[in-house]
Amino acid sequence: SGLYWLDEQVSTSASGPETLRHVSAAVHDNGFKLFWIPHFL
């Protein structure tokens, strides 16, 4: 039913959000939902 992004935060690098957008596009292109469980900080 879905795939899970294991890294528990958005990377602090400048490309962190961009990488996740590419990951989510790949997941959605294959018909899955993307799950995430970020830590408190």
Full PDB file with SEQRES, HELIX, SHEET, SSBOND, CRYST1, ORIGX, SCALE, CONECT and MASTER records, all heavy atoms in Angstrom:
SEQRES   1 A   41  SER GLY LEU TYR TRP LEU ASP GLU GLN VAL SER THR SER          
SEQRES   2 A   41  ALA SER GLY PRO GLU THR LEU ARG HIS VAL SER ALA ALA          
SEQRES   3 A   41  VAL HIS ASP ASN GLY PHE LYS LEU PHE TRP ILE PRO HIS          
SEQRES   4 A   41  PHE LEU                                                      
HELIX    1 AA1 GLY A   16  ASP A   29  1                                  14    
SHEET    1 AA1 2 GLY A   2  TYR A   4  0                                        
SHEET    2 AA1 2 LYS A  33  PHE A  35  1                                        
CRYST1    1.000    1.000    1.000  90.00  90.00  90.00 P 1           1          
ORIGX1      1.000000  0.000000  0.000000        0.00000                         
ORIGX2      0.000000  1.000000  0.000000        0.00000                         
ORIGX3      0.000000  0.000000  1.000000        0.00000                         
SCALE1      1.000000  0.000000  0.000000        0.00000                         
SCALE2      0.000000  1.000000  0.000000        0.00000                         
SCALE3      0.000000  0.000000  1.000000        0.00000                         
ATOM      1  N   SER A   1       0.797  -1.229   0.000  1.00  0.00           N  
ATOM      2  CA  SER A   1       0.000   0.000   0.000  1.00  0.00           C  
ATOM      3  C   SER A   1       0.825   1.273   0.000  1.00  0.00           C  
ATOM      4  O   SER A   1       0.305   2.335  -0.345  1.00  0.00           O  
ATOM      5  CB  SER A   1      -0.932   0.008   1.221  1.00  0.00           C  
ATOM      6  OG  SER A   1      -1.831  -1.087   1.170  1.00  0.00           O  
ATOM      7  N   GLY A   2       2.075   1.198   0.429  1.00  0.00           N  
ATOM      8  CA  GLY A   2       2.837   2.433   0.509  1.00  0.00           C  
ATOM      9  C   GLY A   2       4.312   2.181   0.750  1.00  0.00           C  
ATOM     10  O   GLY A   2       4.742   1.047   1.015  1.00  0.00           O  
ATOM     11  N   LEU A   3       5.079   3.246   0.655  1.00  0.00           N  
ATOM     12  CA  LEU A   3       6.509   3.223   0.930  1.00  0.00           C  
ATOM     13  C   LEU A   3       6.812   4.260   1.998  1.00  0.00           C  
ATOM     14  O   LEU A   3       6.097   5.258   2.135  1.00  0.00           O  
ATOM     15  CB  LEU A   3       7.306   3.509  -0.341  1.00  0.00           C  
ATOM     16  CG  LEU A   3       7.060   2.525  -1.495  1.00  0.00           C  
ATOM     17  CD1 LEU A   3       7.822   2.955  -2.736  1.00  0.00           C  
ATOM     18  CD2 LEU A   3       7.444   1.105  -1.106  1.00  0.00           C  
ATOM     19  N   TYR A   4       7.866   4.017   2.743  1.00  0.00           N  
ATOM     20  CA  TYR A   4       8.182   4.828   3.921  1.00  0.00           C  
ATOM     21  C   TYR A   4       9.567   5.436   3.783  1.00  0.00           C  
ATOM     22  O   TYR A   4      10.548   4.718   3.548  1.00  0.00           O  
ATOM     23  CB  TYR A   4       8.113   3.948   5.173  1.00  0.00           C  
ATOM     24  CG  TYR A   4       8.609   4.604   6.430  1.00  0.00           C  
ATOM     25  CD1 TYR A   4       7.889   5.616   7.038  1.00  0.00           C  
ATOM     26  CD2 TYR A   4       9.809   4.207   7.021  1.00  0.00           C  
ATOM     27  CE1 TYR A   4       8.343   6.231   8.212  1.00  0.00           C  
ATOM     28  CE2 TYR A   4      10.265   4.805   8.185  1.00  0.00           C  
ATOM     29  CZ  TYR A   4       9.538   5.811   8.769  1.00  0.00           C  
ATOM     30  OH  TYR A   4       9.987   6.405   9.915  1.00  0.00           O  
ATOM     31  N   TRP A   5       9.656   6.759   3.926  1.00  0.00           N  
ATOM     32  CA  TRP A   5      10.939   7.451   3.896  1.00  0.00           C  
ATOM     33  C   TRP A   5      11.592   7.318   5.260  1.00  0.00           C  
ATOM     34  O   TRP A   5      11.095   7.830   6.265  1.00  0.00           O  
ATOM     35  CB  TRP A   5      10.748   8.912   3.515  1.00  0.00           C  
ATOM     36  CG  TRP A   5      12.012   9.707   3.405  1.00  0.00           C  
ATOM     37  CD1 TRP A   5      12.374  10.774   4.177  1.00  0.00           C  
ATOM     38  CD2 TRP A   5      13.075   9.508   2.472  1.00  0.00           C  
ATOM     39  NE1 TRP A   5      13.592  11.260   3.778  1.00  0.00           N  
ATOM     40  CE2 TRP A   5      14.054  10.498   2.727  1.00  0.00           C  
ATOM     41  CE3 TRP A   5      13.305   8.599   1.436  1.00  0.00           C  
ATOM     42  CZ2 TRP A   5      15.234  10.605   2.000  1.00  0.00           C  
ATOM     43  CZ3 TRP A   5      14.481   8.703   0.707  1.00  0.00           C  
ATOM     44  CH2 TRP A   5      15.423   9.698   0.991  1.00  0.00           C  
ATOM     45  N   LEU A   6      12.734   6.624   5.310  1.00  0.00           N  
ATOM     46  CA  LEU A   6      13.319   6.229   6.583  1.00  0.00           C  
ATOM     47  C   LEU A   6      13.971   7.391   7.327  1.00  0.00           C  
ATOM     48  O   LEU A   6      13.961   7.417   8.566  1.00  0.00           O  
ATOM     49  CB  LEU A   6      14.340   5.117   6.348  1.00  0.00           C  
ATOM     50  CG  LEU A   6      14.956   4.478   7.595  1.00  0.00           C  
ATOM     51  CD1 LEU A   6      13.879   3.860   8.483  1.00  0.00           C  
ATOM     52  CD2 LEU A   6      15.973   3.413   7.188  1.00  0.00           C  
ATOM     53  N   ASP A   7      14.567   8.343   6.624  1.00  0.00           N  
ATOM     54  CA  ASP A   7      15.195   9.486   7.294  1.00  0.00           C  
ATOM     55  C   ASP A   7      14.118  10.271   8.039  1.00  0.00           C  
ATOM     56  O   ASP A   7      13.109  10.673   7.451  1.00  0.00           O  
ATOM     57  CB  ASP A   7      15.893  10.370   6.263  1.00  0.00           C  
ATOM     58  CG  ASP A   7      16.798  11.400   6.902  1.00  0.00           C  
ATOM     59  OD1 ASP A   7      16.878  11.441   8.143  1.00  0.00           O  
ATOM     60  OD2 ASP A   7      17.422  12.178   6.157  1.00  0.00           O  
ATOM     61  N   GLU A   8      14.335  10.546   9.327  1.00  0.00           N  
ATOM     62  CA  GLU A   8      13.281  11.103  10.171  1.00  0.00           C  
ATOM     63  C   GLU A   8      13.239  12.619  10.191  1.00  0.00           C  
ATOM     64  O   GLU A   8      12.527  13.210  11.009  1.00  0.00           O  
ATOM     65  CB  GLU A   8      13.401  10.551  11.591  1.00  0.00           C  
ATOM     66  CG  GLU A   8      13.133   9.059  11.670  1.00  0.00           C  
ATOM     67  CD  GLU A   8      13.193   8.520  13.093  1.00  0.00           C  
ATOM     68  OE1 GLU A   8      13.542   9.298  14.013  1.00  0.00           O  
ATOM     69  OE2 GLU A   8      12.884   7.339  13.288  1.00  0.00           O  
ATOM     70  N   GLN A   9      13.968  13.273   9.307  1.00  0.00           N  
ATOM     71  CA  GLN A   9      13.839  14.714   9.177  1.00  0.00           C  
ATOM     72  C   GLN A   9      14.179  15.112   7.746  1.00  0.00           C  
ATOM     73  O   GLN A   9      14.759  14.328   6.987  1.00  0.00           O  
ATOM     74  CB  GLN A   9      14.737  15.457  10.156  1.00  0.00           C  
ATOM     75  CG  GLN A   9      16.221  15.382   9.872  1.00  0.00           C  
ATOM     76  CD  GLN A   9      17.023  16.291  10.792  1.00  0.00           C  
ATOM     77  OE1 GLN A   9      16.504  16.907  11.731  1.00  0.00           O  
ATOM     78  NE2 GLN A   9      18.313  16.404  10.533  1.00  0.00           N  
ATOM     79  N   VAL A  10      13.794  16.324   7.374  1.00  0.00           N  
ATOM     80  CA  VAL A  10      14.228  16.880   6.102  1.00  0.00           C  
ATOM     81  C   VAL A  10      15.698  17.248   6.263  1.00  0.00           C  
ATOM     82  O   VAL A  10      16.082  17.877   7.246  1.00  0.00           O  
ATOM     83  CB  VAL A  10      13.399  18.128   5.730  1.00  0.00           C  
ATOM     84  CG1 VAL A  10      13.917  18.746   4.432  1.00  0.00           C  
ATOM     85  CG2 VAL A  10      11.921  17.757   5.594  1.00  0.00           C  
ATOM     86  N   SER A  11      16.513  16.846   5.311  1.00  0.00           N  
ATOM     87  CA  SER A  11      17.941  17.133   5.418  1.00  0.00           C  
ATOM     88  C   SER A  11      18.175  18.633   5.584  1.00  0.00           C  
ATOM     89  O   SER A  11      17.491  19.460   4.981  1.00  0.00           O  
ATOM     90  CB  SER A  11      18.677  16.634   4.181  1.00  0.00           C  
ATOM     91  OG  SER A  11      20.013  17.106   4.164  1.00  0.00           O  
ATOM     92  N   THR A  12      19.161  18.976   6.396  1.00  0.00           N  
ATOM     93  CA  THR A  12      19.498  20.383   6.600  1.00  0.00           C  
ATOM     94  C   THR A  12      20.263  20.979   5.421  1.00  0.00           C  
ATOM     95  O   THR A  12      20.509  22.179   5.391  1.00  0.00           O  
ATOM     96  CB  THR A  12      20.338  20.555   7.878  1.00  0.00           C  
ATOM     97  OG1 THR A  12      21.529  19.753   7.761  1.00  0.00           O  
ATOM     98  CG2 THR A  12      19.553  20.129   9.106  1.00  0.00           C  
ATOM     99  N   SER A  13      20.648  20.161   4.450  1.00  0.00           N  
ATOM    100  CA  SER A  13      21.332  20.685   3.275  1.00  0.00           C  
ATOM    101  C   SER A  13      20.354  21.471   2.405  1.00  0.00           C  
ATOM    102  O   SER A  13      19.130  21.310   2.506  1.00  0.00           O  
ATOM    103  CB  SER A  13      21.937  19.551   2.447  1.00  0.00           C  
ATOM    104  OG  SER A  13      20.929  18.818   1.786  1.00  0.00           O  
ATOM    105  N   ALA A  14      20.883  22.286   1.521  1.00  0.00           N  
ATOM    106  CA  ALA A  14      20.031  23.096   0.647  1.00  0.00           C  
ATOM    107  C   ALA A  14      19.166  22.233  -0.257  1.00  0.00           C  
ATOM    108  O   ALA A  14      18.065  22.640  -0.643  1.00  0.00           O  
ATOM    109  CB  ALA A  14      20.903  24.025  -0.200  1.00  0.00           C  
ATOM    110  N   SER A  15      19.628  21.024  -0.587  1.00  0.00           N  
ATOM    111  CA  SER A  15      18.879  20.159  -1.497  1.00  0.00           C  
ATOM    112  C   SER A  15      17.931  19.209  -0.772  1.00  0.00           C  
ATOM    113  O   SER A  15      17.311  18.361  -1.415  1.00  0.00           O  
ATOM    114  CB  SER A  15      19.846  19.345  -2.362  1.00  0.00           C  
ATOM    115  OG  SER A  15      20.635  18.480  -1.556  1.00  0.00           O  
ATOM    116  N   GLY A  16      17.808  19.335   0.556  1.00  0.00           N  
ATOM    117  CA  GLY A  16      16.954  18.420   1.309  1.00  0.00           C  
ATOM    118  C   GLY A  16      15.517  18.373   0.821  1.00  0.00           C  
ATOM    119  O   GLY A  16      15.000  17.310   0.467  1.00  0.00           O  
ATOM    120  N   PRO A  17      14.819  19.509   0.774  1.00  0.00           N  
ATOM    121  CA  PRO A  17      13.436  19.487   0.276  1.00  0.00           C  
ATOM    122  C   PRO A  17      13.341  19.021  -1.177  1.00  0.00           C  
ATOM    123  O   PRO A  17      12.414  18.298  -1.547  1.00  0.00           O  
ATOM    124  CB  PRO A  17      12.993  20.945   0.431  1.00  0.00           C  
ATOM    125  CG  PRO A  17      13.858  21.495   1.518  1.00  0.00           C  
ATOM    126  CD  PRO A  17      15.181  20.826   1.325  1.00  0.00           C  
ATOM    127  N   GLU A  18      14.306  19.421  -1.995  1.00  0.00           N  
ATOM    128  CA  GLU A  18      14.293  19.039  -3.410  1.00  0.00           C  
ATOM    129  C   GLU A  18      14.403  17.520  -3.562  1.00  0.00           C  
ATOM    130  O   GLU A  18      13.693  16.900  -4.376  1.00  0.00           O  
ATOM    131  CB  GLU A  18      15.443  19.734  -4.126  1.00  0.00           C  
ATOM    132  CG  GLU A  18      15.486  19.506  -5.623  1.00  0.00           C  
ATOM    133  CD  GLU A  18      16.665  20.218  -6.278  1.00  0.00           C  
ATOM    134  OE1 GLU A  18      17.447  20.893  -5.553  1.00  0.00           O  
ATOM    135  OE2 GLU A  18      16.799  20.086  -7.509  1.00  0.00           O  
ATOM    136  N   THR A  19      15.282  16.910  -2.776  1.00  0.00           N  
ATOM    137  CA  THR A  19      15.420  15.457  -2.821  1.00  0.00           C  
ATOM    138  C   THR A  19      14.108  14.774  -2.480  1.00  0.00           C  
ATOM    139  O   THR A  19      13.686  13.828  -3.150  1.00  0.00           O  
ATOM    140  CB  THR A  19      16.530  15.001  -1.859  1.00  0.00           C  
ATOM    141  OG1 THR A  19      17.795  15.476  -2.322  1.00  0.00           O  
ATOM    142  CG2 THR A  19      16.577  13.485  -1.751  1.00  0.00           C  
ATOM    143  N   LEU A  20      13.447  15.250  -1.443  1.00  0.00           N  
ATOM    144  CA  LEU A  20      12.182  14.630  -1.049  1.00  0.00           C  
ATOM    145  C   LEU A  20      11.108  14.803  -2.114  1.00  0.00           C  
ATOM    146  O   LEU A  20      10.272  13.917  -2.305  1.00  0.00           O  
ATOM    147  CB  LEU A  20      11.713  15.206   0.286  1.00  0.00           C  
ATOM    148  CG  LEU A  20      12.199  14.435   1.518  1.00  0.00           C  
ATOM    149  CD1 LEU A  20      11.809  15.153   2.798  1.00  0.00           C  
ATOM    150  CD2 LEU A  20      11.625  13.029   1.521  1.00  0.00           C  
ATOM    151  N   ARG A  21      11.104  15.916  -2.796  1.00  0.00           N  
ATOM    152  CA  ARG A  21      10.135  16.092  -3.884  1.00  0.00           C  
ATOM    153  C   ARG A  21      10.383  15.081  -5.006  1.00  0.00           C  
ATOM    154  O   ARG A  21       9.434  14.553  -5.601  1.00  0.00           O  
ATOM    155  CB  ARG A  21      10.179  17.530  -4.409  1.00  0.00           C  
ATOM    156  CG  ARG A  21       9.625  18.558  -3.425  1.00  0.00           C  
ATOM    157  CD  ARG A  21       9.507  19.944  -4.040  1.00  0.00           C  
ATOM    158  NE  ARG A  21       8.937  20.884  -3.092  1.00  0.00           N  
ATOM    159  CZ  ARG A  21       9.641  21.697  -2.305  1.00  0.00           C  
ATOM    160  NH1 ARG A  21      10.978  21.694  -2.397  1.00  0.00           N  
ATOM    161  NH2 ARG A  21       9.054  22.512  -1.462  1.00  0.00           N  
ATOM    162  N   HIS A  22      11.640  14.805  -5.286  1.00  0.00           N  
ATOM    163  CA  HIS A  22      11.964  13.793  -6.295  1.00  0.00           C  
ATOM    164  C   HIS A  22      11.565  12.398  -5.811  1.00  0.00           C  
ATOM    165  O   HIS A  22      11.073  11.579  -6.596  1.00  0.00           O  
ATOM    166  CB  HIS A  22      13.459  13.841  -6.624  1.00  0.00           C  
ATOM    167  CG  HIS A  22      13.847  14.960  -7.527  1.00  0.00           C  
ATOM    168  ND1 HIS A  22      14.062  14.796  -8.879  1.00  0.00           N  
ATOM    169  CD2 HIS A  22      14.046  16.277  -7.285  1.00  0.00           C  
ATOM    170  CE1 HIS A  22      14.385  15.950  -9.433  1.00  0.00           C  
ATOM    171  NE2 HIS A  22      14.392  16.870  -8.480  1.00  0.00           N  
ATOM    172  N   VAL A  23      11.787  12.121  -4.528  1.00  0.00           N  
ATOM    173  CA  VAL A  23      11.406  10.825  -3.964  1.00  0.00           C  
ATOM    174  C   VAL A  23       9.889  10.640  -4.031  1.00  0.00           C  
ATOM    175  O   VAL A  23       9.388   9.587  -4.458  1.00  0.00           O  
ATOM    176  CB  VAL A  23      11.899  10.701  -2.513  1.00  0.00           C  
ATOM    177  CG1 VAL A  23      11.288   9.471  -1.835  1.00  0.00           C  
ATOM    178  CG2 VAL A  23      13.425  10.621  -2.475  1.00  0.00           C  
ATOM    179  N   SER A  24       9.148  11.649  -3.606  1.00  0.00           N  
ATOM    180  CA  SER A  24       7.688  11.531  -3.615  1.00  0.00           C  
ATOM    181  C   SER A  24       7.161  11.373  -5.036  1.00  0.00           C  
ATOM    182  O   SER A  24       6.197  10.618  -5.274  1.00  0.00           O  
ATOM    183  CB  SER A  24       7.045  12.743  -2.935  1.00  0.00           C  
ATOM    184  OG  SER A  24       7.333  13.944  -3.624  1.00  0.00           O  
ATOM    185  N   ALA A  25       7.776  12.042  -6.004  1.00  0.00           N  
ATOM    186  CA  ALA A  25       7.350  11.885  -7.394  1.00  0.00           C  
ATOM    187  C   ALA A  25       7.558  10.449  -7.863  1.00  0.00           C  
ATOM    188  O   ALA A  25       6.695   9.869  -8.543  1.00  0.00           O  
ATOM    189  CB  ALA A  25       8.118  12.855  -8.286  1.00  0.00           C  
ATOM    190  N   ALA A  26       8.695   9.861  -7.496  1.00  0.00           N  
ATOM    191  CA  ALA A  26       8.959   8.473  -7.876  1.00  0.00           C  
ATOM    192  C   ALA A  26       7.941   7.525  -7.244  1.00  0.00           C  
ATOM    193  O   ALA A  26       7.461   6.583  -7.889  1.00  0.00           O  
ATOM    194  CB  ALA A  26      10.379   8.087  -7.465  1.00  0.00           C  
ATOM    195  N   VAL A  27       7.603   7.761  -5.986  1.00  0.00           N  
ATOM    196  CA  VAL A  27       6.621   6.926  -5.283  1.00  0.00           C  
ATOM    197  C   VAL A  27       5.249   7.051  -5.943  1.00  0.00           C  
ATOM    198  O   VAL A  27       4.571   6.054  -6.223  1.00  0.00           O  
ATOM    199  CB  VAL A  27       6.552   7.308  -3.796  1.00  0.00           C  
ATOM    200  CG1 VAL A  27       5.383   6.616  -3.107  1.00  0.00           C  
ATOM    201  CG2 VAL A  27       7.864   6.964  -3.099  1.00  0.00           C  
ATOM    202  N   HIS A  28       4.838   8.273  -6.223  1.00  0.00           N  
ATOM    203  CA  HIS A  28       3.518   8.497  -6.808  1.00  0.00           C  
ATOM    204  C   HIS A  28       3.431   7.976  -8.241  1.00  0.00           C  
ATOM    205  O   HIS A  28       2.380   7.478  -8.670  1.00  0.00           O  
ATOM    206  CB  HIS A  28       3.171   9.983  -6.759  1.00  0.00           C  
ATOM    207  CG  HIS A  28       3.057  10.517  -5.374  1.00  0.00           C  
ATOM    208  ND1 HIS A  28       3.301  11.835  -5.041  1.00  0.00           N  
ATOM    209  CD2 HIS A  28       2.735   9.903  -4.201  1.00  0.00           C  
ATOM    210  CE1 HIS A  28       3.126  12.006  -3.743  1.00  0.00           C  
ATOM    211  NE2 HIS A  28       2.787  10.852  -3.214  1.00  0.00           N  
ATOM    212  N   ASP A  29       4.530   8.064  -8.978  1.00  0.00           N  
ATOM    213  CA  ASP A  29       4.540   7.529 -10.345  1.00  0.00           C  
ATOM    214  C   ASP A  29       4.277   6.029 -10.360  1.00  0.00           C  
ATOM    215  O   ASP A  29       3.805   5.480 -11.366  1.00  0.00           O  
ATOM    216  CB  ASP A  29       5.885   7.809 -11.015  1.00  0.00           C  
ATOM    217  CG  ASP A  29       6.056   9.272 -11.402  1.00  0.00           C  
ATOM    218  OD1 ASP A  29       5.047  10.012 -11.368  1.00  0.00           O  
ATOM    219  OD2 ASP A  29       7.193   9.674 -11.717  1.00  0.00           O  
ATOM    220  N   ASN A  30       4.583   5.375  -9.253  1.00  0.00           N  
ATOM    221  CA  ASN A  30       4.367   3.928  -9.154  1.00  0.00           C  
ATOM    222  C   ASN A  30       3.068   3.573  -8.435  1.00  0.00           C  
ATOM    223  O   ASN A  30       2.832   2.399  -8.128  1.00  0.00           O  
ATOM    224  CB  ASN A  30       5.555   3.281  -8.444  1.00  0.00           C  
ATOM    225  CG  ASN A  30       6.760   3.142  -9.346  1.00  0.00           C  
ATOM    226  OD1 ASN A  30       6.878   2.159 -10.079  1.00  0.00           O  
ATOM    227  ND2 ASN A  30       7.651   4.123  -9.321  1.00  0.00           N  
ATOM    228  N   GLY A  31       2.252   4.583  -8.147  1.00  0.00           N  
ATOM    229  CA  GLY A  31       0.930   4.331  -7.603  1.00  0.00           C  
ATOM    230  C   GLY A  31       0.866   4.089  -6.114  1.00  0.00           C  
ATOM    231  O   GLY A  31      -0.137   3.566  -5.612  1.00  0.00           O  
ATOM    232  N   PHE A  32       1.910   4.474  -5.364  1.00  0.00           N  
ATOM    233  CA  PHE A  32       1.929   4.248  -3.923  1.00  0.00           C  
ATOM    234  C   PHE A  32       1.781   5.555  -3.153  1.00  0.00           C  
ATOM    235  O   PHE A  32       1.976   6.650  -3.692  1.00  0.00           O  
ATOM    236  CB  PHE A  32       3.238   3.567  -3.501  1.00  0.00           C  
ATOM    237  CG  PHE A  32       3.454   2.222  -4.113  1.00  0.00           C  
ATOM    238  CD1 PHE A  32       4.574   1.984  -4.899  1.00  0.00           C  
ATOM    239  CD2 PHE A  32       2.553   1.198  -3.926  1.00  0.00           C  
ATOM    240  CE1 PHE A  32       4.790   0.745  -5.479  1.00  0.00           C  
ATOM    241  CE2 PHE A  32       2.747  -0.051  -4.497  1.00  0.00           C  
ATOM    242  CZ  PHE A  32       3.879  -0.279  -5.284  1.00  0.00           C  
ATOM    243  N   LYS A  33       1.474   5.433  -1.885  1.00  0.00           N  
ATOM    244  CA  LYS A  33       1.479   6.553  -0.954  1.00  0.00           C  
ATOM    245  C   LYS A  33       2.834   6.592  -0.247  1.00  0.00           C  
ATOM    246  O   LYS A  33       3.442   5.556   0.019  1.00  0.00           O  
ATOM    247  CB  LYS A  33       0.351   6.425   0.078  1.00  0.00           C  
ATOM    248  CG  LYS A  33      -1.045   6.428  -0.526  1.00  0.00           C  
ATOM    249  CD  LYS A  33      -1.356   7.736  -1.226  1.00  0.00           C  
ATOM    250  CE  LYS A  33      -2.787   7.770  -1.748  1.00  0.00           C  
ATOM    251  NZ  LYS A  33      -3.079   9.029  -2.469  1.00  0.00           N  
ATOM    252  N   LEU A  34       3.270   7.801   0.089  1.00  0.00           N  
ATOM    253  CA  LEU A  34       4.541   7.968   0.787  1.00  0.00           C  
ATOM    254  C   LEU A  34       4.275   8.305   2.246  1.00  0.00           C  
ATOM    255  O   LEU A  34       3.600   9.290   2.558  1.00  0.00           O  
ATOM    256  CB  LEU A  34       5.372   9.069   0.130  1.00  0.00           C  
ATOM    257  CG  LEU A  34       6.767   9.320   0.737  1.00  0.00           C  
ATOM    258  CD1 LEU A  34       7.618   8.056   0.696  1.00  0.00           C  
ATOM    259  CD2 LEU A  34       7.468  10.459   0.012  1.00  0.00           C  
ATOM    260  N   PHE A  35       4.832   7.491   3.155  1.00  0.00           N  
ATOM    261  CA  PHE A  35       4.656   7.639   4.598  1.00  0.00           C  
ATOM    262  C   PHE A  35       5.936   8.204   5.220  1.00  0.00           C  
ATOM    263  O   PHE A  35       7.036   8.015   4.716  1.00  0.00           O  
ATOM    264  CB  PHE A  35       4.346   6.281   5.240  1.00  0.00           C  
ATOM    265  CG  PHE A  35       2.984   5.735   4.898  1.00  0.00           C  
ATOM    266  CD1 PHE A  35       2.707   5.224   3.634  1.00  0.00           C  
ATOM    267  CD2 PHE A  35       1.969   5.712   5.845  1.00  0.00           C  
ATOM    268  CE1 PHE A  35       1.463   4.711   3.319  1.00  0.00           C  
ATOM    269  CE2 PHE A  35       0.715   5.203   5.548  1.00  0.00           C  
ATOM    270  CZ  PHE A  35       0.464   4.705   4.279  1.00  0.00           C  
ATOM    271  N   TRP A  36       5.745   8.848   6.383  1.00  0.00           N  
ATOM    272  CA  TRP A  36       6.891   9.462   7.079  1.00  0.00           C  
ATOM    273  C   TRP A  36       6.546   9.596   8.556  1.00  0.00           C  
ATOM    274  O   TRP A  36       5.397   9.883   8.922  1.00  0.00           O  
ATOM    275  CB  TRP A  36       7.175  10.836   6.486  1.00  0.00           C  
ATOM    276  CG  TRP A  36       8.457  11.483   6.892  1.00  0.00           C  
ATOM    277  CD1 TRP A  36       9.681  10.896   6.989  1.00  0.00           C  
ATOM    278  CD2 TRP A  36       8.657  12.868   7.224  1.00  0.00           C  
ATOM    279  NE1 TRP A  36      10.634  11.820   7.359  1.00  0.00           N  
ATOM    280  CE2 TRP A  36      10.038  13.037   7.495  1.00  0.00           C  
ATOM    281  CE3 TRP A  36       7.821  13.978   7.285  1.00  0.00           C  
ATOM    282  CZ2 TRP A  36      10.578  14.260   7.860  1.00  0.00           C  
ATOM    283  CZ3 TRP A  36       8.359  15.197   7.639  1.00  0.00           C  
ATOM    284  CH2 TRP A  36       9.716  15.337   7.918  1.00  0.00           C  
ATOM    285  N   ILE A  37       7.563   9.390   9.438  1.00  0.00           N  
ATOM    286  CA  ILE A  37       7.363   9.527  10.886  1.00  0.00           C  
ATOM    287  C   ILE A  37       8.512  10.359  11.445  1.00  0.00           C  
ATOM    288  O   ILE A  37       9.512   9.817  11.950  1.00  0.00           O  
ATOM    289  CB  ILE A  37       7.275   8.150  11.575  1.00  0.00           C  
ATOM    290  CG1 ILE A  37       6.255   7.254  10.873  1.00  0.00           C  
ATOM    291  CG2 ILE A  37       6.885   8.303  13.044  1.00  0.00           C  
ATOM    292  CD1 ILE A  37       6.180   5.842  11.434  1.00  0.00           C  
ATOM    293  N   PRO A  38       8.428  11.683  11.379  1.00  0.00           N  
ATOM    294  CA  PRO A  38       9.528  12.533  11.861  1.00  0.00           C  
ATOM    295  C   PRO A  38       9.602  12.559  13.383  1.00  0.00           C  
ATOM    296  O   PRO A  38       8.584  12.467  14.070  1.00  0.00           O  
ATOM    297  CB  PRO A  38       9.154  13.909  11.314  1.00  0.00           C  
ATOM    298  CG  PRO A  38       7.658  13.881  11.245  1.00  0.00           C  
ATOM    299  CD  PRO A  38       7.300  12.475  10.855  1.00  0.00           C  
ATOM    300  N   HIS A  39      10.819  12.706  13.903  1.00  0.00           N  
ATOM    301  CA  HIS A  39      10.982  12.809  15.351  1.00  0.00           C  
ATOM    302  C   HIS A  39      10.619  14.213  15.821  1.00  0.00           C  
ATOM    303  O   HIS A  39      10.421  15.137  15.028  1.00  0.00           O  
ATOM    304  CB  HIS A  39      12.398  12.416  15.781  1.00  0.00           C  
ATOM    305  CG  HIS A  39      13.497  13.231  15.187  1.00  0.00           C  
ATOM    306  ND1 HIS A  39      13.799  14.510  15.616  1.00  0.00           N  
ATOM    307  CD2 HIS A  39      14.391  12.963  14.212  1.00  0.00           C  
ATOM    308  CE1 HIS A  39      14.819  14.985  14.951  1.00  0.00           C  
ATOM    309  NE2 HIS A  39      15.202  14.075  14.076  1.00  0.00           N  
ATOM    310  N   PHE A  40      10.536  14.388  17.132  1.00  0.00           N  
ATOM    311  CA  PHE A  40      10.017  15.628  17.708  1.00  0.00           C  
ATOM    312  C   PHE A  40      10.840  16.844  17.300  1.00  0.00           C  
ATOM    313  O   PHE A  40      10.305  17.930  17.089  1.00  0.00           O  
ATOM    314  CB  PHE A  40       9.972  15.519  19.238  1.00  0.00           C  
ATOM    315  CG  PHE A  40       9.330  16.698  19.912  1.00  0.00           C  
ATOM    316  CD1 PHE A  40       7.954  16.746  20.078  1.00  0.00           C  
ATOM    317  CD2 PHE A  40      10.083  17.769  20.375  1.00  0.00           C  
ATOM    318  CE1 PHE A  40       7.340  17.837  20.688  1.00  0.00           C  
ATOM    319  CE2 PHE A  40       9.487  18.862  20.989  1.00  0.00           C  
ATOM    320  CZ  PHE A  40       8.108  18.887  21.137  1.00  0.00           C  
ATOM    321  N   LEU A  41      12.155  16.679  17.200  1.00  0.00           N  
ATOM    322  CA  LEU A  41      13.023  17.794  16.842  1.00  0.00           C  
ATOM    323  C   LEU A  41      13.477  17.703  15.379  1.00  0.00           C  
ATOM    324  O   LEU A  41      14.566  18.155  15.023  1.00  0.00           O  
ATOM    325  CB  LEU A  41      14.231  17.836  17.773  1.00  0.00           C  
ATOM    326  CG  LEU A  41      13.913  18.135  19.242  1.00  0.00           C  
ATOM    327  CD1 LEU A  41      15.174  18.058  20.090  1.00  0.00           C  
ATOM    328  CD2 LEU A  41      13.253  19.497  19.399  1.00  0.00           C  
TER     329      LEU A  41                                                      
MASTER        0    0    0    1    2    0    0    6  328    1    0    4          
END                                                                             
